Amino acid sequence: MDGANFSADTIWEGRIKAGENFNYYDNKSGRQYIAETTDLREIATARYDFLLSSNCLEHLANPIKGLAERKRVIKVDGGLVLVLLNKTSNFDRRRPITKFEHLLDDFISGMGKDDLTHPDEILALHDLPMDPPAGDLEHFRERSLKNFQNRTLHHHVFDIQLITQMLDYVGFEILDMTTTRTVSFALARKNSEDSPNAG
């Protein structure tokens, strides 16, 4: 089992190094990749039987591109487990669900990871008391404007319908969708090498 993170230094994991040092259970380890989740070029096409993407997609400016890249590295008939926050239980609770058309526009326009088109909405609607590490509004604003370095912003807000639309667009077969108080889970299967819409 391998792992990937966008940077060798993150607020979630601290300092990590690329190489054969991804410890996932007891004394078992795999490869740690340092790579953007929308550009996994170091990983061969159809490399994995399954991929777990947990609490990641909301941090992407271009989540459809991220899903297409996940699909590329999964084998035909391989699985994707997608975990996204349920907005009702976290600091996104006041924000509207993102429209699929918005995500599609971001995908078609090639929206980059340095996107800062959402901070006004986020700063206005973010429930700061539910996010103690964000600090006060001024600290949160400063951190948000440095999102390219820290990736703490939730660019988009998801629900089951939006998750379904994205997976359908990229060409995954959805096997199960479950929502709990805190998260939404999607289990999907890759049925072919080609993504009919997302390349």
Protein backbone atom coordinates (compact mmCIF):
# COMPACT_ATOMS: atom_id res chain seq x y z
CA MET A 1 0.00 0.00 0.00
CA ASP A 2 1.35 3.40 -0.98
CA GLY A 3 0.48 6.94 0.08
CA ALA A 4 0.55 10.34 -1.59
CA ASN A 5 0.60 13.87 -0.23
CA PHE A 6 0.99 17.19 -2.01
CA SER A 7 4.01 18.33 0.03
CA ALA A 8 6.83 17.06 2.21
CA ASP A 9 5.57 19.38 4.95
CA THR A 10 1.86 19.57 5.78
CA ILE A 11 -0.19 20.66 8.79
CA TRP A 12 -1.72 17.18 8.94
CA GLU A 13 1.36 14.97 8.84
CA GLY A 14 4.27 17.29 9.57
CA ARG A 15 7.50 16.42 7.73
CA ILE A 16 7.47 13.40 5.41
CA LYS A 17 9.89 12.12 2.78
CA ALA A 18 9.36 10.50 -0.59
CA GLY A 19 10.51 6.90 -0.76
CA GLU A 20 9.81 3.43 0.56
CA ASN A 21 8.77 4.70 3.98
CA PHE A 22 4.97 4.94 3.97
CA ASN A 23 4.09 3.04 7.14
CA TYR A 24 0.45 2.05 6.95
CA TYR A 25 0.14 -0.71 9.56
CA ASP A 26 2.40 -2.12 12.25
CA ASN A 27 5.69 -2.84 10.42
CA LYS A 28 4.20 -2.82 6.91
CA SER A 29 5.24 -0.06 4.56
CA GLY A 30 4.95 1.07 0.95
CA ARG A 31 6.02 4.02 -1.16
CA GLN A 32 5.40 7.61 -0.05
CA TYR A 33 4.78 9.87 -3.04
CA ILE A 34 5.07 13.63 -2.83
CA ALA A 35 2.78 14.65 -5.68
CA GLU A 36 -0.19 16.80 -6.52
CA THR A 37 -3.30 14.65 -6.49
CA THR A 38 -4.29 16.17 -9.85
CA ASP A 39 -0.94 15.13 -11.36
CA LEU A 40 0.21 11.66 -10.34
CA ARG A 41 2.56 11.22 -13.30
CA GLU A 42 5.04 9.26 -11.15
CA ILE A 43 2.43 6.53 -10.83
CA ALA A 44 1.84 4.20 -13.78
CA THR A 45 -1.61 3.91 -15.35
CA ALA A 46 -3.67 1.02 -13.91
CA ARG A 47 -1.21 0.51 -11.04
CA TYR A 48 -3.61 -0.12 -8.13
CA ASP A 49 -6.47 -2.47 -7.30
CA PHE A 50 -8.12 0.24 -5.20
CA LEU A 51 -7.59 3.80 -4.11
CA LEU A 52 -8.78 5.51 -0.93
CA SER A 53 -9.32 9.27 -1.15
CA SER A 54 -10.29 10.54 2.29
CA ASN A 55 -11.01 14.18 3.13
CA CYS A 56 -9.01 15.33 0.12
CA LEU A 57 -11.31 16.36 -2.73
CA GLU A 58 -12.67 19.40 -0.87
CA HIS A 59 -9.11 20.78 -0.79
CA LEU A 60 -8.79 20.67 -4.60
CA ALA A 61 -9.51 23.65 -6.82
CA ASN A 62 -10.19 21.18 -9.66
CA PRO A 63 -11.81 18.07 -8.15
CA ILE A 64 -12.95 16.59 -11.47
CA LYS A 65 -9.33 16.61 -12.64
CA GLY A 66 -8.39 14.95 -9.35
CA LEU A 67 -10.99 12.21 -9.88
CA ALA A 68 -9.85 11.65 -13.47
CA GLU A 69 -6.28 11.18 -12.27
CA ARG A 70 -7.42 8.78 -9.56
CA LYS A 71 -9.28 6.78 -12.19
CA ARG A 72 -6.16 6.63 -14.37
CA VAL A 73 -4.04 4.93 -11.70
CA ILE A 74 -6.70 2.32 -10.79
CA LYS A 75 -6.89 -0.99 -12.67
CA VAL A 76 -9.96 -1.87 -14.73
CA ASP A 77 -12.54 -3.28 -12.30
CA GLY A 78 -10.57 -1.67 -9.46
CA GLY A 79 -12.27 0.29 -6.72
CA LEU A 80 -12.35 3.85 -5.46
CA VAL A 81 -13.40 4.66 -1.90
CA LEU A 82 -14.18 8.36 -1.71
CA VAL A 83 -14.74 10.05 1.65
CA LEU A 84 -15.94 13.65 1.84
CA LEU A 85 -17.09 15.74 4.76
CA ASN A 86 -20.80 16.15 5.42
CA LYS A 87 -21.07 19.93 5.63
CA THR A 88 -23.77 19.85 8.31
CA SER A 89 -21.27 18.72 10.96
CA ASN A 90 -18.33 21.03 10.26
CA PHE A 91 -17.28 24.62 9.60
CA ASP A 92 -18.75 24.54 6.06
CA ARG A 93 -22.28 24.23 7.43
CA ARG A 94 -23.29 27.77 6.35
CA ARG A 95 -21.92 27.46 2.82
CA PRO A 96 -24.06 26.40 -0.14
CA ILE A 97 -23.43 23.12 -1.94
CA THR A 98 -21.27 23.80 -5.00
CA LYS A 99 -23.06 23.47 -8.35
CA PHE A 100 -21.79 20.76 -10.69
CA GLU A 101 -21.65 23.35 -13.49
CA HIS A 102 -19.11 25.30 -11.44
CA LEU A 103 -16.88 22.22 -11.07
CA LEU A 104 -17.25 21.49 -14.77
CA ASP A 105 -16.22 25.06 -15.65
CA ASP A 106 -13.17 24.68 -13.39
CA PHE A 107 -12.27 21.41 -15.13
CA ILE A 108 -12.75 22.71 -18.68
CA SER A 109 -10.81 25.90 -17.96
CA GLY A 110 -7.96 23.93 -16.36
CA MET A 111 -8.30 25.63 -12.98
CA GLY A 112 -4.95 25.43 -11.19
CA LYS A 113 -4.08 24.51 -7.63
CA ASP A 114 -3.26 28.16 -6.87
CA ASP A 115 -6.90 29.23 -7.35
CA LEU A 116 -8.14 31.88 -4.93
CA THR A 117 -11.62 32.60 -6.30
CA HIS A 118 -13.44 31.33 -3.19
CA PRO A 119 -11.96 33.13 -0.16
CA ASP A 120 -14.62 35.87 -0.05
CA GLU A 121 -17.38 33.27 0.31
CA ILE A 122 -15.31 31.18 2.71
CA LEU A 123 -14.37 34.13 4.92
CA ALA A 124 -17.98 35.29 5.07
CA LEU A 125 -19.54 31.88 5.82
CA HIS A 126 -16.84 29.80 7.56
CA ASP A 127 -17.98 28.84 11.06
CA LEU A 128 -14.82 29.86 12.94
CA PRO A 129 -15.88 28.51 16.35
CA MET A 130 -16.04 25.04 14.73
CA ASP A 131 -12.45 25.42 13.44
CA PRO A 132 -10.21 26.34 16.42
CA PRO A 133 -6.90 25.95 14.50
CA ALA A 134 -8.06 28.71 12.13
CA GLY A 135 -7.79 31.27 14.95
CA ASP A 136 -9.58 34.58 14.71
CA LEU A 137 -10.86 36.06 11.46
CA GLU A 138 -7.63 37.95 10.70
CA HIS A 139 -5.47 34.86 11.25
CA PHE A 140 -7.88 32.79 9.15
CA ARG A 141 -7.74 35.39 6.36
CA GLU A 142 -3.92 35.35 6.35
CA ARG A 143 -3.84 31.55 6.31
CA SER A 144 -6.45 31.41 3.54
CA LEU A 145 -4.49 33.75 1.27
CA LYS A 146 -1.51 31.37 1.62
CA ASN A 147 -3.60 28.37 0.60
CA PHE A 148 -1.15 27.31 -2.12
CA GLN A 149 1.35 26.58 0.64
CA ASN A 150 -0.94 25.08 3.29
CA ARG A 151 -3.99 23.72 1.33
CA THR A 152 -6.33 24.19 4.29
CA LEU A 153 -9.21 25.81 2.38
CA HIS A 154 -12.24 23.82 1.32
CA HIS A 155 -12.67 25.13 -2.22
CA HIS A 156 -16.02 23.39 -2.68
CA VAL A 157 -18.82 21.90 -0.61
CA PHE A 158 -20.28 18.51 -1.56
CA ASP A 159 -23.40 16.43 -1.07
CA ILE A 160 -24.41 13.02 -2.41
CA GLN A 161 -25.94 14.47 -5.57
CA LEU A 162 -22.78 16.41 -6.44
CA ILE A 163 -20.54 13.42 -5.67
CA THR A 164 -22.73 11.28 -7.93
CA GLN A 165 -22.56 13.82 -10.76
CA MET A 166 -18.76 13.99 -10.57
CA LEU A 167 -18.28 10.23 -10.50
CA ASP A 168 -20.72 9.79 -13.40
CA TYR A 169 -18.94 12.46 -15.43
CA VAL A 170 -15.52 10.88 -14.95
CA GLY A 171 -16.94 7.46 -15.83
CA PHE A 172 -17.00 5.53 -12.56
CA GLU A 173 -19.73 2.98 -11.83
CA ILE A 174 -21.18 3.86 -8.43
CA LEU A 175 -21.68 0.79 -6.24
CA ASP A 176 -22.73 2.40 -2.98
CA MET A 177 -23.32 5.82 -1.42
CA THR A 178 -23.67 6.27 2.31
CA THR A 179 -23.93 9.43 4.39
CA THR A 180 -23.35 9.64 8.12
CA ARG A 181 -23.59 12.66 10.38
CA THR A 182 -19.96 13.59 9.61
CA VAL A 183 -19.04 12.17 6.20
CA SER A 184 -20.28 10.86 2.88
CA PHE A 185 -18.81 7.62 1.51
CA ALA A 186 -18.85 6.58 -2.14
CA LEU A 187 -17.72 3.19 -3.40
CA ALA A 188 -17.15 3.17 -7.15
CA ARG A 189 -15.61 0.90 -9.78
CA LYS A 190 -13.50 1.68 -12.83
CA ASN A 191 -15.03 -0.21 -15.76
CA SER A 192 -12.72 0.89 -18.57
CA GLU A 193 -9.42 2.64 -19.29
CA ASP A 194 -11.17 5.55 -20.94
CA SER A 195 -13.06 8.30 -19.17
CA PRO A 196 -15.81 9.26 -21.63
CA ASN A 197 -15.78 12.91 -20.59
CA ALA A 198 -12.66 13.58 -18.53
CA GLY A 199 -9.99 12.13 -20.79
